[in-house]
Amino acid sequence: MSNILSYSSDKPEIVSRAELAEDQKPEMLSLRPERLSEYIGQAEVVETLKIAIEAAKKREEPLDTFMFHGPPGLGKTTLAHIMPMKWR
């Protein structure tokens, strides 16, 4: 389960998604990019993904398998969530 930085008090604190108040969840979760065009950083990776997705669409074949590797905070999970949306 991932954590979210919360500003509900006078100082920021990290809380789990489960601890967020119900009314905060949609607001906090909407900060995650939903399209490759909204994704900031990792330009080379994003461009490679765009090419792979478009090529698979043109060939009418399934998308290849990708493994994202690296330290926390690079956006691996965000890219994994964006890819199926881009595929549609």
PDB file of N, CA and C in Angstrom:
ATOM      1  N   MET A   1       0.858  -1.173   0.000  1.00  0.00           N
ATOM      2  CA  MET A   1       0.000   0.000   0.000  1.00  0.00           C
ATOM      3  C   MET A   1       0.902   1.234   0.000  1.00  0.00           C
ATOM      4  N   SER A   2       0.618   2.157  -0.873  1.00  0.00           N
ATOM      5  CA  SER A   2       1.451   3.345  -0.961  1.00  0.00           C
ATOM      6  C   SER A   2       1.000   4.399   0.035  1.00  0.00           C
ATOM      7  N   ASN A   3       1.884   5.324   0.272  1.00  0.00           N
ATOM      8  CA  ASN A   3       1.608   6.409   1.211  1.00  0.00           C
ATOM      9  C   ASN A   3       1.406   7.712   0.464  1.00  0.00           C
ATOM     10  N   ILE A   4       0.744   8.641   1.110  1.00  0.00           N
ATOM     11  CA  ILE A   4       0.458   9.950   0.525  1.00  0.00           C
ATOM     12  C   ILE A   4       0.877  11.021   1.510  1.00  0.00           C
ATOM     13  N   LEU A   5       1.441  12.095   0.997  1.00  0.00           N
ATOM     14  CA  LEU A   5       1.806  13.226   1.833  1.00  0.00           C
ATOM     15  C   LEU A   5       0.548  14.036   2.103  1.00  0.00           C
ATOM     16  N   SER A   6       0.208  14.204   3.376  1.00  0.00           N
ATOM     17  CA  SER A   6      -1.016  14.905   3.762  1.00  0.00           C
ATOM     18  C   SER A   6      -0.678  16.254   4.375  1.00  0.00           C
ATOM     19  N   TYR A   7      -1.449  17.269   4.010  1.00  0.00           N
ATOM     20  CA  TYR A   7      -1.279  18.605   4.563  1.00  0.00           C
ATOM     21  C   TYR A   7      -2.484  18.993   5.408  1.00  0.00           C
ATOM     22  N   SER A   8      -3.137  18.020   6.026  1.00  0.00           N
ATOM     23  CA  SER A   8      -4.346  18.315   6.792  1.00  0.00           C
ATOM     24  C   SER A   8      -4.051  19.037   8.099  1.00  0.00           C
ATOM     25  N   SER A   9      -2.830  18.972   8.578  1.00  0.00           N
ATOM     26  CA  SER A   9      -2.467  19.695   9.795  1.00  0.00           C
ATOM     27  C   SER A   9      -1.506  20.818   9.425  1.00  0.00           C
ATOM     28  N   ASP A  10      -0.927  21.474  10.413  1.00  0.00           N
ATOM     29  CA  ASP A  10      -0.015  22.581  10.127  1.00  0.00           C
ATOM     30  C   ASP A  10       1.318  22.113   9.566  1.00  0.00           C
ATOM     31  N   LYS A  11       1.638  20.837   9.715  1.00  0.00           N
ATOM     32  CA  LYS A  11       2.874  20.308   9.129  1.00  0.00           C
ATOM     33  C   LYS A  11       2.546  19.080   8.281  1.00  0.00           C
ATOM     34  N   PRO A  12       3.266  18.897   7.173  1.00  0.00           N
ATOM     35  CA  PRO A  12       2.989  17.749   6.315  1.00  0.00           C
ATOM     36  C   PRO A  12       3.343  16.443   7.022  1.00  0.00           C
ATOM     37  N   GLU A  13       2.585  15.416   6.751  1.00  0.00           N
ATOM     38  CA  GLU A  13       2.892  14.101   7.298  1.00  0.00           C
ATOM     39  C   GLU A  13       2.509  13.046   6.277  1.00  0.00           C
ATOM     40  N   ILE A  14       3.182  11.917   6.351  1.00  0.00           N
ATOM     41  CA  ILE A  14       2.897  10.827   5.430  1.00  0.00           C
ATOM     42  C   ILE A  14       1.868   9.914   6.071  1.00  0.00           C
ATOM     43  N   VAL A  15       0.792   9.651   5.345  1.00  0.00           N
ATOM     44  CA  VAL A  15      -0.259   8.761   5.831  1.00  0.00           C
ATOM     45  C   VAL A  15      -0.557   7.725   4.754  1.00  0.00           C
ATOM     46  N   SER A  16      -1.064   6.582   5.169  1.00  0.00           N
ATOM     47  CA  SER A  16      -1.441   5.565   4.186  1.00  0.00           C
ATOM     48  C   SER A  16      -2.763   5.960   3.552  1.00  0.00           C
ATOM     49  N   ARG A  17      -3.036   5.411   2.393  1.00  0.00           N
ATOM     50  CA  ARG A  17      -4.300   5.694   1.713  1.00  0.00           C
ATOM     51  C   ARG A  17      -5.481   5.302   2.589  1.00  0.00           C
ATOM     52  N   ALA A  18      -5.329   4.238   3.356  1.00  0.00           N
ATOM     53  CA  ALA A  18      -6.416   3.767   4.216  1.00  0.00           C
ATOM     54  C   ALA A  18      -6.753   4.784   5.300  1.00  0.00           C
ATOM     55  N   GLU A  19      -5.768   5.582   5.717  1.00  0.00           N
ATOM     56  CA  GLU A  19      -5.977   6.557   6.782  1.00  0.00           C
ATOM     57  C   GLU A  19      -6.602   7.863   6.296  1.00  0.00           C
ATOM     58  N   LEU A  20      -6.634   8.077   4.998  1.00  0.00           N
ATOM     59  CA  LEU A  20      -7.217   9.311   4.475  1.00  0.00           C
ATOM     60  C   LEU A  20      -8.716   9.335   4.738  1.00  0.00           C
ATOM     61  N   ALA A  21      -9.217  10.484   5.058  1.00  0.00           N
ATOM     62  CA  ALA A  21     -10.661  10.640   5.205  1.00  0.00           C
ATOM     63  C   ALA A  21     -11.307  10.397   3.845  1.00  0.00           C
ATOM     64  N   GLU A  22     -12.500   9.873   3.837  1.00  0.00           N
ATOM     65  CA  GLU A  22     -13.188   9.555   2.583  1.00  0.00           C
ATOM     66  C   GLU A  22     -13.269  10.758   1.649  1.00  0.00           C
ATOM     67  N   ASP A  23     -13.485  11.949   2.190  1.00  0.00           N
ATOM     68  CA  ASP A  23     -13.607  13.132   1.341  1.00  0.00           C
ATOM     69  C   ASP A  23     -12.268  13.586   0.774  1.00  0.00           C
ATOM     70  N   GLN A  24     -11.150  13.119   1.321  1.00  0.00           N
ATOM     71  CA  GLN A  24      -9.827  13.492   0.818  1.00  0.00           C
ATOM     72  C   GLN A  24      -9.371  12.573  -0.306  1.00  0.00           C
ATOM     73  N   LYS A  25      -9.835  11.351  -0.340  1.00  0.00           N
ATOM     74  CA  LYS A  25      -9.321  10.367  -1.294  1.00  0.00           C
ATOM     75  C   LYS A  25      -9.425  10.804  -2.752  1.00  0.00           C
ATOM     76  N   PRO A  26     -10.583  11.209  -3.241  1.00  0.00           N
ATOM     77  CA  PRO A  26     -10.647  11.597  -4.652  1.00  0.00           C
ATOM     78  C   PRO A  26      -9.705  12.745  -4.989  1.00  0.00           C
ATOM     79  N   GLU A  27      -9.596  13.707  -4.096  1.00  0.00           N
ATOM     80  CA  GLU A  27      -8.727  14.861  -4.327  1.00  0.00           C
ATOM     81  C   GLU A  27      -7.264  14.435  -4.423  1.00  0.00           C
ATOM     82  N   MET A  28      -6.813  13.611  -3.492  1.00  0.00           N
ATOM     83  CA  MET A  28      -5.417  13.194  -3.471  1.00  0.00           C
ATOM     84  C   MET A  28      -5.109  12.244  -4.629  1.00  0.00           C
ATOM     85  N   LEU A  29      -6.014  11.341  -4.933  1.00  0.00           N
ATOM     86  CA  LEU A  29      -5.766  10.376  -5.989  1.00  0.00           C
ATOM     87  C   LEU A  29      -5.804  11.017  -7.366  1.00  0.00           C
ATOM     88  N   SER A  30      -6.482  12.134  -7.511  1.00  0.00           N
ATOM     89  CA  SER A  30      -6.564  12.791  -8.807  1.00  0.00           C
ATOM     90  C   SER A  30      -5.249  13.461  -9.196  1.00  0.00           C
ATOM     91  N   LEU A  31      -4.295  13.511  -8.311  1.00  0.00           N
ATOM     92  CA  LEU A  31      -3.003  14.122  -8.610  1.00  0.00           C
ATOM     93  C   LEU A  31      -2.145  13.227  -9.497  1.00  0.00           C
ATOM     94  N   ARG A  32      -2.451  11.940  -9.544  1.00  0.00           N
ATOM     95  CA  ARG A  32      -1.679  11.006 -10.363  1.00  0.00           C
ATOM     96  C   ARG A  32      -2.018  11.240 -11.835  1.00  0.00           C
ATOM     97  N   PRO A  33      -1.008  11.397 -12.697  1.00  0.00           N
ATOM     98  CA  PRO A  33      -1.276  11.588 -14.125  1.00  0.00           C
ATOM     99  C   PRO A  33      -2.059  10.409 -14.698  1.00  0.00           C
ATOM    100  N   GLU A  34      -2.923  10.694 -15.661  1.00  0.00           N
ATOM    101  CA  GLU A  34      -3.711   9.646 -16.297  1.00  0.00           C
ATOM    102  C   GLU A  34      -3.335   9.443 -17.759  1.00  0.00           C
ATOM    103  N   ARG A  35      -2.455  10.281 -18.289  1.00  0.00           N
ATOM    104  CA  ARG A  35      -2.011  10.179 -19.678  1.00  0.00           C
ATOM    105  C   ARG A  35      -0.497  10.365 -19.728  1.00  0.00           C
ATOM    106  N   LEU A  36       0.110   9.800 -20.752  1.00  0.00           N
ATOM    107  CA  LEU A  36       1.557   9.981 -20.906  1.00  0.00           C
ATOM    108  C   LEU A  36       1.897  11.455 -21.086  1.00  0.00           C
ATOM    109  N   SER A  37       1.009  12.213 -21.702  1.00  0.00           N
ATOM    110  CA  SER A  37       1.276  13.643 -21.913  1.00  0.00           C
ATOM    111  C   SER A  37       1.297  14.424 -20.599  1.00  0.00           C
ATOM    112  N   GLU A  38       0.664  13.889 -19.556  1.00  0.00           N
ATOM    113  CA  GLU A  38       0.643  14.550 -18.246  1.00  0.00           C
ATOM    114  C   GLU A  38       1.820  14.125 -17.375  1.00  0.00           C
ATOM    115  N   TYR A  39       2.498  13.057 -17.761  1.00  0.00           N
ATOM    116  CA  TYR A  39       3.585  12.499 -16.961  1.00  0.00           C
ATOM    117  C   TYR A  39       4.813  13.394 -17.067  1.00  0.00           C
ATOM    118  N   ILE A  40       5.393  13.746 -15.936  1.00  0.00           N
ATOM    119  CA  ILE A  40       6.566  14.626 -15.910  1.00  0.00           C
ATOM    120  C   ILE A  40       7.788  13.806 -15.523  1.00  0.00           C
ATOM    121  N   GLY A  41       8.849  13.944 -16.287  1.00  0.00           N
ATOM    122  CA  GLY A  41      10.088  13.230 -16.005  1.00  0.00           C
ATOM    123  C   GLY A  41      10.208  11.959 -16.831  1.00  0.00           C
ATOM    124  N   GLN A  42      11.374  11.346 -16.768  1.00  0.00           N
ATOM    125  CA  GLN A  42      11.647  10.092 -17.472  1.00  0.00           C
ATOM    126  C   GLN A  42      11.290  10.195 -18.959  1.00  0.00           C
ATOM    127  N   ALA A  43      11.696  11.275 -19.598  1.00  0.00           N
ATOM    128  CA  ALA A  43      11.317  11.548 -20.989  1.00  0.00           C
ATOM    129  C   ALA A  43      11.703  10.410 -21.934  1.00  0.00           C
ATOM    130  N   GLU A  44      12.870   9.833 -21.741  1.00  0.00           N
ATOM    131  CA  GLU A  44      13.320   8.751 -22.622  1.00  0.00           C
ATOM    132  C   GLU A  44      12.425   7.517 -22.471  1.00  0.00           C
ATOM    133  N   VAL A  45      12.063   7.201 -21.244  1.00  0.00           N
ATOM    134  CA  VAL A  45      11.186   6.052 -20.983  1.00  0.00           C
ATOM    135  C   VAL A  45       9.806   6.300 -21.582  1.00  0.00           C
ATOM    136  N   VAL A  46       9.270   7.484 -21.373  1.00  0.00           N
ATOM    137  CA  VAL A  46       7.941   7.823 -21.896  1.00  0.00           C
ATOM    138  C   VAL A  46       7.932   7.735 -23.418  1.00  0.00           C
ATOM    139  N   GLU A  47       8.955   8.250 -24.056  1.00  0.00           N
ATOM    140  CA  GLU A  47       9.023   8.203 -25.519  1.00  0.00           C
ATOM    141  C   GLU A  47       9.107   6.760 -26.017  1.00  0.00           C
ATOM    142  N   THR A  48       9.887   5.933 -25.346  1.00  0.00           N
ATOM    143  CA  THR A  48       9.986   4.514 -25.703  1.00  0.00           C
ATOM    144  C   THR A  48       8.631   3.826 -25.569  1.00  0.00           C
ATOM    145  N   LEU A  49       7.912   4.124 -24.498  1.00  0.00           N
ATOM    146  CA  LEU A  49       6.581   3.539 -24.299  1.00  0.00           C
ATOM    147  C   LEU A  49       5.609   3.989 -25.386  1.00  0.00           C
ATOM    148  N   LYS A  50       5.648   5.266 -25.728  1.00  0.00           N
ATOM    149  CA  LYS A  50       4.764   5.775 -26.782  1.00  0.00           C
ATOM    150  C   LYS A  50       5.004   5.027 -28.092  1.00  0.00           C
ATOM    151  N   ILE A  51       6.264   4.859 -28.444  1.00  0.00           N
ATOM    152  CA  ILE A  51       6.616   4.166 -29.685  1.00  0.00           C
ATOM    153  C   ILE A  51       6.140   2.718 -29.640  1.00  0.00           C
ATOM    154  N   ALA A  52       6.382   2.035 -28.524  1.00  0.00           N
ATOM    155  CA  ALA A  52       5.982   0.628 -28.390  1.00  0.00           C
ATOM    156  C   ALA A  52       4.466   0.470 -28.471  1.00  0.00           C
ATOM    157  N   ILE A  53       3.739   1.351 -27.823  1.00  0.00           N
ATOM    158  CA  ILE A  53       2.273   1.271 -27.822  1.00  0.00           C
ATOM    159  C   ILE A  53       1.720   1.533 -29.218  1.00  0.00           C
ATOM    160  N   GLU A  54       2.212   2.574 -29.868  1.00  0.00           N
ATOM    161  CA  GLU A  54       1.723   2.897 -31.211  1.00  0.00           C
ATOM    162  C   GLU A  54       2.074   1.795 -32.208  1.00  0.00           C
ATOM    163  N   ALA A  55       3.266   1.219 -32.100  1.00  0.00           N
ATOM    164  CA  ALA A  55       3.665   0.142 -33.006  1.00  0.00           C
ATOM    165  C   ALA A  55       2.777  -1.088 -32.821  1.00  0.00           C
ATOM    166  N   ALA A  56       2.489  -1.442 -31.583  1.00  0.00           N
ATOM    167  CA  ALA A  56       1.625  -2.597 -31.310  1.00  0.00           C
ATOM    168  C   ALA A  56       0.209  -2.346 -31.834  1.00  0.00           C
ATOM    169  N   LYS A  57      -0.269  -1.116 -31.686  1.00  0.00           N
ATOM    170  CA  LYS A  57      -1.603  -0.785 -32.207  1.00  0.00           C
ATOM    171  C   LYS A  57      -1.646  -0.941 -33.726  1.00  0.00           C
ATOM    172  N   LYS A  58      -0.617  -0.430 -34.407  1.00  0.00           N
ATOM    173  CA  LYS A  58      -0.581  -0.514 -35.866  1.00  0.00           C
ATOM    174  C   LYS A  58      -0.507  -1.957 -36.341  1.00  0.00           C
ATOM    175  N   ARG A  59       0.226  -2.791 -35.613  1.00  0.00           N
ATOM    176  CA  ARG A  59       0.345  -4.211 -35.966  1.00  0.00           C
ATOM    177  C   ARG A  59      -0.873  -5.016 -35.519  1.00  0.00           C
ATOM    178  N   GLU A  60      -1.735  -4.373 -34.717  1.00  0.00           N
ATOM    179  CA  GLU A  60      -2.895  -5.046 -34.130  1.00  0.00           C
ATOM    180  C   GLU A  60      -2.465  -6.282 -33.347  1.00  0.00           C
ATOM    181  N   GLU A  61      -1.408  -6.104 -32.564  1.00  0.00           N
ATOM    182  CA  GLU A  61      -0.871  -7.169 -31.722  1.00  0.00           C
ATOM    183  C   GLU A  61      -0.907  -6.719 -30.271  1.00  0.00           C
ATOM    184  N   PRO A  62      -0.840  -7.686 -29.345  1.00  0.00           N
ATOM    185  CA  PRO A  62      -0.780  -7.309 -27.924  1.00  0.00           C
ATOM    186  C   PRO A  62       0.494  -6.525 -27.621  1.00  0.00           C
ATOM    187  N   LEU A  63       0.408  -5.702 -26.635  1.00  0.00           N
ATOM    188  CA  LEU A  63       1.559  -4.922 -26.199  1.00  0.00           C
ATOM    189  C   LEU A  63       2.593  -5.840 -25.562  1.00  0.00           C
ATOM    190  N   ASP A  64       3.853  -5.581 -25.815  1.00  0.00           N
ATOM    191  CA  ASP A  64       4.924  -6.359 -25.200  1.00  0.00           C
ATOM    192  C   ASP A  64       4.882  -6.212 -23.687  1.00  0.00           C
ATOM    193  N   THR A  65       5.608  -7.081 -23.016  1.00  0.00           N
ATOM    194  CA  THR A  65       5.717  -7.018 -21.557  1.00  0.00           C
ATOM    195  C   THR A  65       6.811  -6.029 -21.180  1.00  0.00           C
ATOM    196  N   PHE A  66       6.553  -5.231 -20.158  1.00  0.00           N
ATOM    197  CA  PHE A  66       7.529  -4.269 -19.669  1.00  0.00           C
ATOM    198  C   PHE A  66       7.774  -4.515 -18.193  1.00  0.00           C
ATOM    199  N   MET A  67       9.016  -4.341 -17.760  1.00  0.00           N
ATOM    200  CA  MET A  67       9.342  -4.406 -16.340  1.00  0.00           C
ATOM    201  C   MET A  67      10.009  -3.084 -15.972  1.00  0.00           C
ATOM    202  N   PHE A  68       9.400  -2.383 -15.036  1.00  0.00           N
ATOM    203  CA  PHE A  68       9.960  -1.121 -14.562  1.00  0.00           C
ATOM    204  C   PHE A  68      10.755  -1.408 -13.302  1.00  0.00           C
ATOM    205  N   HIS A  69      11.978  -0.914 -13.269  1.00  0.00           N
ATOM    206  CA  HIS A  69      12.862  -1.194 -12.143  1.00  0.00           C
ATOM    207  C   HIS A  69      13.541   0.103 -11.719  1.00  0.00           C
ATOM    208  N   GLY A  70      13.671   0.290 -10.422  1.00  0.00           N
ATOM    209  CA  GLY A  70      14.358   1.465  -9.912  1.00  0.00           C
ATOM    210  C   GLY A  70      13.916   1.779  -8.502  1.00  0.00           C
ATOM    211  N   PRO A  71      14.557   2.749  -7.893  1.00  0.00           N
ATOM    212  CA  PRO A  71      14.218   3.118  -6.512  1.00  0.00           C
ATOM    213  C   PRO A  71      12.828   3.749  -6.425  1.00  0.00           C
ATOM    214  N   PRO A  72      12.285   3.825  -5.221  1.00  0.00           N
ATOM    215  CA  PRO A  72      10.965   4.426  -5.032  1.00  0.00           C
ATOM    216  C   PRO A  72      10.929   5.884  -5.493  1.00  0.00           C
ATOM    217  N   GLY A  73       9.777   6.286  -5.980  1.00  0.00           N
ATOM    218  CA  GLY A  73       9.582   7.691  -6.325  1.00  0.00           C
ATOM    219  C   GLY A  73       9.869   8.066  -7.760  1.00  0.00           C
ATOM    220  N   LEU A  74      10.198   7.109  -8.608  1.00  0.00           N
ATOM    221  CA  LEU A  74      10.513   7.430  -9.998  1.00  0.00           C
ATOM    222  C   LEU A  74       9.290   7.452 -10.906  1.00  0.00           C
ATOM    223  N   GLY A  75       8.174   6.904 -10.435  1.00  0.00           N
ATOM    224  CA  GLY A  75       6.962   6.900 -11.243  1.00  0.00           C
ATOM    225  C   GLY A  75       6.663   5.578 -11.921  1.00  0.00           C
ATOM    226  N   LYS A  76       7.263   4.502 -11.436  1.00  0.00           N
ATOM    227  CA  LYS A  76       7.044   3.187 -12.048  1.00  0.00           C
ATOM    228  C   LYS A  76       5.571   2.789 -11.991  1.00  0.00           C
ATOM    229  N   THR A  77       4.964   2.927 -10.838  1.00  0.00           N
ATOM    230  CA  THR A  77       3.560   2.547 -10.675  1.00  0.00           C
ATOM    231  C   THR A  77       2.660   3.443 -11.510  1.00  0.00           C
ATOM    232  N   THR A  78       2.965   4.714 -11.558  1.00  0.00           N
ATOM    233  CA  THR A  78       2.168   5.639 -12.364  1.00  0.00           C
ATOM    234  C   THR A  78       2.209   5.230 -13.830  1.00  0.00           C
ATOM    235  N   LEU A  79       3.391   4.916 -14.347  1.00  0.00           N
ATOM    236  CA  LEU A  79       3.494   4.470 -15.738  1.00  0.00           C
ATOM    237  C   LEU A  79       2.724   3.172 -15.956  1.00  0.00           C
ATOM    238  N   ALA A  80       2.788   2.272 -14.987  1.00  0.00           N
ATOM    239  CA  ALA A  80       2.057   1.007 -15.103  1.00  0.00           C
ATOM    240  C   ALA A  80       0.549   1.242 -15.151  1.00  0.00           C
ATOM    241  N   HIS A  81       0.065   2.269 -14.474  1.00  0.00           N
ATOM    242  CA  HIS A  81      -1.363   2.595 -14.508  1.00  0.00           C
ATOM    243  C   HIS A  81      -1.739   3.317 -15.805  1.00  0.00           C
ATOM    244  N   ILE A  82      -0.832   4.098 -16.348  1.00  0.00           N
ATOM    245  CA  ILE A  82      -1.107   4.867 -17.563  1.00  0.00           C
ATOM    246  C   ILE A  82      -1.141   3.964 -18.797  1.00  0.00           C
ATOM    247  N   MET A  83      -0.281   2.973 -18.847  1.00  0.00           N
ATOM    248  CA  MET A  83      -0.149   2.158 -20.060  1.00  0.00           C
ATOM    249  C   MET A  83      -1.462   1.541 -20.540  1.00  0.00           C
ATOM    250  N   PRO A  84      -2.253   0.908 -19.686  1.00  0.00           N
ATOM    251  CA  PRO A  84      -3.516   0.346 -20.197  1.00  0.00           C
ATOM    252  C   PRO A  84      -4.480   1.422 -20.710  1.00  0.00           C
ATOM    253  N   MET A  85      -4.449   2.593 -20.099  1.00  0.00           N
ATOM    254  CA  MET A  85      -5.319   3.682 -20.556  1.00  0.00           C
ATOM    255  C   MET A  85      -4.884   4.170 -21.937  1.00  0.00           C
ATOM    256  N   LYS A  86      -3.585   4.233 -22.162  1.00  0.00           N
ATOM    257  CA  LYS A  86      -3.049   4.658 -23.455  1.00  0.00           C
ATOM    258  C   LYS A  86      -3.352   3.604 -24.520  1.00  0.00           C
ATOM    259  N   TRP A  87      -3.399   2.356 -24.121  1.00  0.00           N
ATOM    260  CA  TRP A  87      -3.611   1.256 -25.056  1.00  0.00           C
ATOM    261  C   TRP A  87      -5.008   1.298 -25.666  1.00  0.00           C
ATOM    262  N   ARG A  88      -5.993   1.803 -24.936  1.00  0.00           N
ATOM    263  CA  ARG A  88      -7.386   1.818 -25.423  1.00  0.00           C
ATOM    264  C   ARG A  88      -7.544   2.624 -26.671  1.00  0.00           C
TER     265      ARG A  88
END
